[in-house]
Amino acid sequence: MWLSNLSLVLPDRVLTDGALCIENGLIAQIAERPVSNGIDCGGALVFPGFIDMHGDMIETELEPRPRVDFPMEVAVSHLDARLSAAGITTAYAAVSFSRAARIGERRSFEHTSQVIRDLHRLRRSCRVDHRIHARFDITYANAVQVLADLIADEQVDLVSVMDHTPGQGQYRDIERHISLIATRDGMSETEARQVVSTRIAERTRPQEVILDNLRQVSKLCKSHGVALASHDDDSAKKALLMAEMGAVISEFPVTCEAAEAAAARGLLNAMGAPNAMRGQSYSGNLSAREAHAKGLLHILAADYHPAAMLAAVMTLAESDPKGLAGAAALVTANPAKALGLTDRGRIEPGLRADLALVERGPLTRVSATFCGGKMIHSIGQLQSRDLKLLQPA
């Protein structure tokens, strides 16, 4: 099957007026001119399918409002549709283990473990290639065994370690954190300050406990070939520690100092696409645009909104030294490299035909998405004499 009359976003350039052939789920050929027997793509931009290494959406789909639980089958089906409509063909669902959660609540060990196993069970029925990103609260030693069991059962594809104790990491600015809690939860600043003080007291652990947990998680990941990411690095010291632990990604570094140290040690810095799209972090941390301008941004993740990935790429393309090709790598080739996905992330013969076709205009949007050569999303813009080719899988 040929797709014709399109602009291909290649690793080093954009090939206009080209064509692409899909055979057996792979990219078979690339032509530098349109072909007469192809599906007319109307001049669409064609990106490699987007790879999202951190999307929090599954938790919201499962609990769209506090204490309102949805069945996994409903949540996954809707998320699958949202992701494919955003051009995402490989998605790492970020699910968290948090010691603050009570038994049975979202992010409790029992709940999250079941979510992981249910998602693993259902993902073969999905259109998008769903994978699992376990976010591990490093302050809770008892969770190490839970994570070990999941990794041993091959239920987890990526692990990130986090510490959300106020006063460091994402919440290093305590006064700002108190103000955000007061606004979000409709309480007085005095009440919010007490909440933060209680969290600090409950979560603080001796440094040797934190280091032992890190070493155990690092060993688990290395022994099973699971990629490890740090989370919310706020200093060069922390970034260097995570490099020593074997991390390959620094997720959401909150300072330029941390991002520089991580990059110097070979880690790829990942930041939120909403941050890049909006031009600022909602929590007042490092701007993804600032990191990009300094050459310190390597990966964009959906974080909490899939559609932000395309919008962020189009925004950063205006300032990227390599233009659209350079910006596209943030959601394609770079995350593929970090996560060991050698069969995707670039438009090249022999790789998976994971593709996002983008219509440009007043509404720049994904017009069609292919995953493994099968069309999984379409807004009906493509034209072909063979309608069977254009039926979503």
Protein backbone atom coordinates (compact mmCIF):
# COMPACT_ATOMS: atom_id res chain seq x y z
CA MET A 1 0.00 0.00 0.00
CA TRP A 2 1.36 3.37 -1.06
CA LEU A 3 0.66 6.67 0.71
CA SER A 4 1.31 9.51 -1.72
CA ASN A 5 1.31 13.31 -1.94
CA LEU A 6 2.77 13.92 1.48
CA SER A 7 5.69 15.53 3.30
CA LEU A 8 7.79 13.00 5.18
CA VAL A 9 9.49 14.12 8.39
CA LEU A 10 12.77 12.23 8.11
CA PRO A 11 15.53 12.18 10.75
CA ASP A 12 17.50 14.96 9.04
CA ARG A 13 15.01 16.80 6.83
CA VAL A 14 11.46 17.10 5.57
CA LEU A 15 10.92 15.45 2.19
CA THR A 16 8.12 17.26 0.38
CA ASP A 17 5.95 15.74 -2.39
CA GLY A 18 7.01 12.23 -1.48
CA ALA A 19 5.44 8.81 -1.05
CA LEU A 20 5.78 5.85 1.27
CA CYS A 21 5.00 2.15 0.82
CA ILE A 22 3.74 -0.08 3.64
CA GLU A 23 4.11 -3.85 3.43
CA ASN A 24 3.51 -6.41 6.18
CA GLY A 25 3.33 -3.71 8.82
CA LEU A 26 6.70 -2.21 7.89
CA ILE A 27 7.93 0.73 5.87
CA ALA A 28 9.02 -0.93 2.62
CA GLN A 29 10.02 2.00 0.39
CA ILE A 30 10.29 5.76 0.32
CA ALA A 31 9.91 7.66 -2.95
CA GLU A 32 10.95 11.27 -3.51
CA ARG A 33 7.97 11.96 -5.74
CA PRO A 34 4.26 11.10 -5.66
CA VAL A 35 3.11 7.78 -7.11
CA SER A 36 0.04 7.36 -9.30
CA ASN A 37 -1.35 4.28 -7.55
CA GLY A 38 -1.13 5.59 -3.97
CA ILE A 39 -3.65 6.86 -1.45
CA ASP A 40 -3.80 10.63 -1.81
CA CYS A 41 -2.78 12.17 1.53
CA GLY A 42 -3.50 15.73 0.45
CA GLY A 43 -0.05 17.07 1.25
CA ALA A 44 -0.17 15.96 4.89
CA LEU A 45 2.90 15.98 7.10
CA VAL A 46 3.87 12.43 8.05
CA PHE A 47 5.72 11.92 11.32
CA PRO A 48 6.91 8.67 12.83
CA GLY A 49 4.26 7.61 15.34
CA PHE A 50 4.74 9.51 18.57
CA ILE A 51 6.26 7.65 21.53
CA ASP A 52 4.98 8.80 24.91
CA MET A 53 7.22 7.58 27.72
CA HIS A 54 5.16 9.21 30.50
CA GLY A 55 1.40 9.66 30.37
CA ASP A 56 -0.62 9.97 33.59
CA MET A 57 -3.98 9.72 31.80
CA ILE A 58 -4.88 6.13 32.77
CA GLU A 59 -5.26 7.12 36.42
CA THR A 60 -7.71 9.88 35.50
CA GLU A 61 -9.62 7.58 33.17
CA LEU A 62 -10.00 5.08 36.02
CA GLU A 63 -11.08 7.77 38.49
CA PRO A 64 -12.47 10.71 36.49
CA ARG A 65 -13.75 12.28 39.72
CA PRO A 66 -12.67 11.61 43.31
CA ARG A 67 -14.02 8.24 44.49
CA VAL A 68 -15.74 7.59 41.16
CA ASP A 69 -14.24 4.33 39.88
CA PHE A 70 -14.56 3.25 36.23
CA PRO A 71 -13.96 -0.31 34.94
CA MET A 72 -10.54 -0.89 33.40
CA GLU A 73 -12.14 -2.00 30.11
CA VAL A 74 -13.94 1.37 29.78
CA ALA A 75 -10.89 3.39 30.86
CA VAL A 76 -8.42 1.66 28.54
CA SER A 77 -10.75 1.77 25.54
CA HIS A 78 -11.25 5.52 25.88
CA LEU A 79 -7.57 6.19 26.52
CA ASP A 80 -6.65 4.07 23.50
CA ALA A 81 -8.89 6.24 21.31
CA ARG A 82 -7.49 9.48 22.76
CA LEU A 83 -3.91 8.40 22.17
CA SER A 84 -4.46 7.25 18.59
CA ALA A 85 -6.25 10.53 17.79
CA ALA A 86 -3.16 12.38 19.08
CA GLY A 87 -0.79 10.41 16.82
CA ILE A 88 0.65 8.39 19.70
CA THR A 89 1.42 4.82 18.66
CA THR A 90 3.55 3.71 21.63
CA ALA A 91 2.37 4.77 25.07
CA TYR A 92 3.89 4.09 28.48
CA ALA A 93 1.05 4.38 31.00
CA ALA A 94 2.51 5.96 34.12
CA VAL A 95 1.04 4.41 37.25
CA SER A 96 2.25 5.30 40.72
CA PHE A 97 2.97 3.57 43.97
CA SER A 98 2.54 6.10 46.79
CA ARG A 99 2.87 5.46 50.49
CA ALA A 100 0.38 8.28 51.12
CA ALA A 101 -2.46 6.22 49.64
CA ARG A 102 -4.65 4.03 51.83
CA ILE A 103 -5.41 0.40 50.99
CA GLY A 104 -7.57 0.19 47.89
CA GLU A 105 -7.16 3.85 46.97
CA ARG A 106 -5.63 5.06 43.74
CA ARG A 107 -1.81 4.77 43.94
CA SER A 108 -1.96 2.28 46.82
CA PHE A 109 0.21 -0.76 46.21
CA GLU A 110 -2.75 -3.11 45.92
CA HIS A 111 -4.63 -0.84 43.51
CA THR A 112 -1.66 0.05 41.33
CA SER A 113 -0.44 -3.55 41.13
CA GLN A 114 -3.87 -4.63 39.92
CA VAL A 115 -4.00 -1.76 37.41
CA ILE A 116 -0.66 -2.88 35.98
CA ARG A 117 -1.75 -6.49 35.66
CA ASP A 118 -5.13 -5.55 34.15
CA LEU A 119 -3.55 -3.18 31.64
CA HIS A 120 -1.00 -5.83 30.70
CA ARG A 121 -3.84 -8.29 30.13
CA LEU A 122 -5.86 -5.93 27.94
CA ARG A 123 -3.19 -4.21 25.90
CA ARG A 124 -3.14 -6.83 23.14
CA SER A 125 -6.73 -5.86 22.39
CA CYS A 126 -5.79 -2.19 21.96
CA ARG A 127 -4.87 -0.31 18.81
CA VAL A 128 -1.93 1.56 20.32
CA ASP A 129 1.13 -0.32 21.62
CA HIS A 130 0.57 0.14 25.36
CA ARG A 131 3.42 -0.35 27.80
CA ILE A 132 3.74 0.17 31.53
CA HIS A 133 5.75 2.80 33.36
CA ALA A 134 5.86 2.13 37.10
CA ARG A 135 6.49 5.25 39.18
CA PHE A 136 8.09 4.16 42.42
CA ASP A 137 7.96 6.14 45.67
CA ILE A 138 11.52 5.75 46.90
CA THR A 139 10.59 6.64 50.50
CA TYR A 140 8.68 3.39 51.07
CA ALA A 141 10.88 0.32 51.42
CA ASN A 142 7.98 -2.14 51.67
CA ALA A 143 7.07 -1.45 48.04
CA VAL A 144 10.37 -2.81 46.73
CA GLN A 145 9.09 -6.38 46.88
CA VAL A 146 5.86 -5.42 45.10
CA LEU A 147 7.89 -3.89 42.29
CA ALA A 148 10.22 -6.89 42.23
CA ASP A 149 7.30 -9.27 41.72
CA LEU A 150 5.86 -7.19 38.87
CA ILE A 151 9.22 -6.90 37.11
CA ALA A 152 9.90 -10.62 37.51
CA ASP A 153 6.50 -11.31 35.92
CA GLU A 154 7.45 -9.04 32.99
CA GLN A 155 4.60 -6.65 33.76
CA VAL A 156 6.72 -3.47 33.76
CA ASP A 157 8.60 -1.82 30.87
CA LEU A 158 9.98 1.32 32.52
CA VAL A 159 10.59 2.35 36.15
CA SER A 160 11.04 5.86 37.48
CA VAL A 161 11.90 6.71 41.06
CA MET A 162 10.29 9.67 42.77
CA ASP A 163 10.28 11.44 46.11
CA HIS A 164 7.47 13.93 46.51
CA THR A 165 8.40 15.01 50.02
CA PRO A 166 7.87 18.81 50.14
CA GLY A 167 11.07 20.83 50.29
CA GLN A 168 12.90 19.11 47.42
CA GLY A 169 12.31 17.90 43.88
CA GLN A 170 9.13 19.17 42.27
CA TYR A 171 8.05 20.80 45.54
CA ARG A 172 11.34 22.37 46.56
CA ASP A 173 9.68 25.80 46.85
CA ILE A 174 7.62 25.12 49.97
CA GLU A 175 5.87 28.50 50.04
CA ARG A 176 4.69 28.08 46.47
CA HIS A 177 3.60 24.52 47.25
CA ILE A 178 1.56 25.73 50.23
CA SER A 179 -0.10 28.37 48.08
CA LEU A 180 -0.98 25.81 45.38
CA ILE A 181 -2.51 23.42 47.92
CA ALA A 182 -4.57 26.20 49.49
CA THR A 183 -5.92 27.25 46.09
CA ARG A 184 -6.54 23.71 44.84
CA ASP A 185 -8.24 22.40 47.97
CA GLY A 186 -10.05 25.58 49.01
CA MET A 187 -8.39 25.89 52.40
CA SER A 188 -6.65 28.69 54.26
CA GLU A 189 -2.90 29.17 54.00
CA THR A 190 -2.58 28.16 57.66
CA GLU A 191 -4.40 24.88 57.00
CA ALA A 192 -2.31 24.23 53.88
CA ARG A 193 0.88 24.89 55.84
CA GLN A 194 -0.17 22.27 58.41
CA VAL A 195 -0.86 19.76 55.61
CA VAL A 196 2.63 20.31 54.19
CA SER A 197 4.28 20.06 57.62
CA THR A 198 2.51 16.76 58.24
CA ARG A 199 3.60 15.39 54.86
CA ILE A 200 7.21 16.31 55.55
CA ALA A 201 7.10 14.57 58.94
CA GLU A 202 5.44 11.45 57.55
CA ARG A 203 7.60 11.07 54.45
CA THR A 204 11.09 12.03 55.62
CA ARG A 205 13.45 9.05 55.75
CA PRO A 206 17.15 8.72 56.67
CA GLN A 207 19.45 9.10 53.70
CA GLU A 208 20.76 5.55 54.09
CA VAL A 209 17.21 4.18 53.68
CA ILE A 210 16.69 6.21 50.51
CA LEU A 211 20.02 5.04 49.08
CA ASP A 212 19.31 1.41 49.91
CA ASN A 213 15.93 1.61 48.15
CA LEU A 214 17.58 3.18 45.11
CA ARG A 215 20.21 0.45 44.96
CA GLN A 216 17.58 -2.29 45.19
CA VAL A 217 15.44 -0.76 42.44
CA SER A 218 18.52 -0.17 40.27
CA LYS A 219 19.60 -3.80 40.68
CA LEU A 220 16.11 -5.03 39.80
CA CYS A 221 16.02 -2.98 36.62
CA LYS A 222 19.50 -3.98 35.50
CA SER A 223 18.90 -7.68 36.07
CA HIS A 224 15.69 -7.68 34.01
CA GLY A 225 16.67 -5.20 31.28
CA VAL A 226 14.11 -2.59 32.35
CA ALA A 227 14.95 1.06 31.69
CA LEU A 228 15.33 3.27 34.76
CA ALA A 229 14.49 6.98 34.96
CA SER A 230 15.01 9.54 37.68
CA HIS A 231 12.22 11.98 38.49
CA ASP A 232 12.28 15.67 39.43
CA ASP A 233 16.06 16.03 39.72
CA ASP A 234 16.63 19.37 41.45
CA SER A 235 20.43 19.50 41.69
CA ALA A 236 23.56 18.34 39.94
CA LYS A 237 24.26 16.07 42.92
CA LYS A 238 20.99 14.21 42.53
CA ALA A 239 21.37 13.92 38.75
CA LEU A 240 24.87 12.47 39.15
CA LEU A 241 23.63 10.00 41.79
CA MET A 242 20.92 8.76 39.43
CA ALA A 243 23.48 8.39 36.64
CA GLU A 244 25.55 6.20 38.95
CA MET A 245 22.43 4.14 39.66
CA GLY A 246 22.05 3.40 35.95
CA ALA A 247 19.27 5.82 35.00
CA VAL A 248 19.03 6.56 31.28
CA ILE A 249 16.41 9.32 31.49
CA SER A 250 16.08 12.36 33.75
CA GLU A 251 12.34 12.99 33.91
CA PHE A 252 11.19 16.57 34.44
CA PRO A 253 14.42 18.09 35.83
CA VAL A 254 13.30 21.09 37.86
CA THR A 255 16.46 23.20 37.52
CA CYS A 256 18.83 24.01 34.69
CA GLU A 257 21.72 22.85 36.88
CA ALA A 258 20.22 19.39 37.19
CA ALA A 259 19.45 19.17 33.46
CA GLU A 260 23.03 20.16 32.59
CA ALA A 261 24.52 17.58 34.95
CA ALA A 262 22.23 14.83 33.64
CA ALA A 263 23.07 15.62 30.02
CA ALA A 264 26.79 15.69 30.81
CA ARG A 265 26.50 12.12 32.11
CA GLY A 266 24.62 10.91 29.03
CA LEU A 267 21.09 10.92 30.41
CA LEU A 268 18.31 12.18 28.14
CA ASN A 269 16.24 14.93 29.71
CA ALA A 270 12.49 14.41 29.37
CA MET A 271 10.01 17.20 30.01
CA GLY A 272 6.28 17.66 29.65
CA ALA A 273 4.77 18.59 26.29
CA PRO A 274 2.21 20.81 28.07
CA ASN A 275 5.14 22.73 29.58
CA ALA A 276 6.69 23.25 26.12
CA MET A 277 3.34 24.13 24.54
CA ARG A 278 2.45 26.68 27.24
CA GLY A 279 5.97 28.00 27.66
CA GLN A 280 6.10 27.38 31.38
CA SER A 281 5.85 24.77 34.12
CA TYR A 282 2.57 24.94 36.03
CA SER A 283 4.54 24.37 39.27
CA GLY A 284 7.08 27.10 38.55
CA ASN A 285 9.99 24.81 37.69
CA LEU A 286 12.27 24.76 34.65
CA SER A 287 10.62 25.78 31.40
CA ALA A 288 10.86 23.19 28.63
CA ARG A 289 11.39 26.01 26.14
CA GLU A 290 14.33 27.29 28.16
CA ALA A 291 15.82 23.79 28.30
CA HIS A 292 15.29 23.42 24.54
CA ALA A 293 16.97 26.75 23.82
CA LYS A 294 20.02 25.58 25.79
CA GLY A 295 20.17 22.21 24.03
CA LEU A 296 19.16 20.36 27.19
CA LEU A 297 15.78 18.99 26.08
CA HIS A 298 15.82 15.54 24.49
CA ILE A 299 12.36 14.03 25.03
CA LEU A 300 8.82 15.37 25.30
CA ALA A 301 6.18 13.36 27.17
CA ALA A 302 2.41 13.79 27.11
CA ASP A 303 2.43 14.01 30.93
CA TYR A 304 -1.28 14.73 31.42
CA HIS A 305 -2.50 15.68 27.92
CA PRO A 306 -1.83 13.63 24.73
CA ALA A 307 -2.74 16.39 22.25
CA ALA A 308 0.02 18.60 23.68
CA MET A 309 2.69 16.49 21.98
CA LEU A 310 1.92 17.64 18.44
CA ALA A 311 1.32 21.22 19.56
CA ALA A 312 4.66 21.29 21.41
CA VAL A 313 6.55 19.86 18.43
CA MET A 314 5.10 22.47 16.08
CA THR A 315 5.98 25.23 18.55
CA LEU A 316 9.56 24.11 19.15
CA ALA A 317 10.15 23.53 15.42
CA GLU A 318 10.20 27.31 14.99
CA SER A 319 13.38 27.60 17.07
CA ASP A 320 14.99 24.18 16.74
CA PRO A 321 18.35 24.29 14.90
CA LYS A 322 17.14 21.36 12.74
CA GLY A 323 13.64 22.73 12.31
CA LEU A 324 10.73 20.31 12.23
CA ALA A 325 13.00 17.27 11.94
CA GLY A 326 14.80 18.25 15.13
CA ALA A 327 11.63 18.96 17.08
CA ALA A 328 10.01 15.73 15.89
CA ALA A 329 12.91 13.71 17.30
CA LEU A 330 11.79 14.76 20.79
CA VAL A 331 8.71 12.53 20.47
CA THR A 332 10.04 9.86 18.11
CA ALA A 333 13.70 8.91 17.66
CA ASN A 334 14.96 10.13 21.04
CA PRO A 335 12.48 8.29 23.29
CA ALA A 336 12.92 5.21 21.08
CA LYS A 337 16.67 5.35 21.67
CA ALA A 338 16.34 5.83 25.43
CA LEU A 339 13.86 2.98 25.79
CA GLY A 340 15.64 0.51 23.53
CA LEU A 341 12.92 0.51 20.85
CA THR A 342 15.09 -0.22 17.83
CA ASP A 343 12.20 -1.05 15.50
CA ARG A 344 10.49 2.38 15.50
CA GLY A 345 10.92 6.12 15.93
CA ARG A 346 12.11 6.97 12.41
CA ILE A 347 10.69 6.85 8.90
CA GLU A 348 13.10 4.39 7.36
CA PRO A 349 12.68 1.20 5.30
CA GLY A 350 12.54 -1.87 7.51
CA LEU A 351 11.11 -0.12 10.56
CA ARG A 352 7.54 -0.42 11.84
CA ALA A 353 4.97 1.57 9.90
CA ASP A 354 3.97 3.64 12.92
CA LEU A 355 2.89 6.94 11.38
CA ALA A 356 1.06 10.12 12.34
CA LEU A 357 -0.41 12.08 9.42
CA VAL A 358 -0.95 15.74 10.27
CA GLU A 359 -3.25 18.14 8.49
CA ARG A 360 -2.04 21.75 8.55
CA GLY A 361 -4.36 24.73 8.63
CA PRO A 362 -6.49 26.67 11.11
CA LEU A 363 -6.74 23.39 13.06
CA THR A 364 -3.40 21.62 12.88
CA ARG A 365 -4.41 18.10 13.84
CA VAL A 366 -3.74 14.42 13.36
CA SER A 367 -5.82 13.30 10.38
CA ALA A 368 -4.80 9.63 10.47
CA THR A 369 -2.65 7.31 12.55
CA PHE A 370 -1.08 4.00 11.53
CA CYS A 371 0.32 1.51 14.03
CA GLY A 372 2.19 -1.48 12.65
CA GLY A 373 0.83 -0.62 9.21
CA LYS A 374 -2.82 -0.66 10.32
CA MET A 375 -4.85 2.52 10.32
CA ILE A 376 -6.09 3.02 13.89
CA HIS A 377 -7.48 6.56 13.58
CA SER A 378 -8.85 8.69 10.77
CA ILE A 379 -10.97 11.83 10.40
CA GLY A 380 -11.90 10.72 6.87
CA GLN A 381 -9.61 12.97 4.86
CA LEU A 382 -7.72 10.29 2.92
CA GLN A 383 -8.87 9.24 -0.53
CA SER A 384 -8.58 5.75 -2.04
CA ARG A 385 -10.41 3.65 -4.58
CA ASP A 386 -9.95 0.68 -2.24
CA LEU A 387 -12.06 1.54 0.79
CA LYS A 388 -10.84 -1.58 2.64
CA LEU A 389 -7.43 0.06 2.97
CA LEU A 390 -8.99 2.93 4.88
CA GLN A 391 -11.02 1.01 7.44
CA PRO A 392 -9.55 1.59 10.93
CA ALA A 393 -8.35 -1.61 12.60
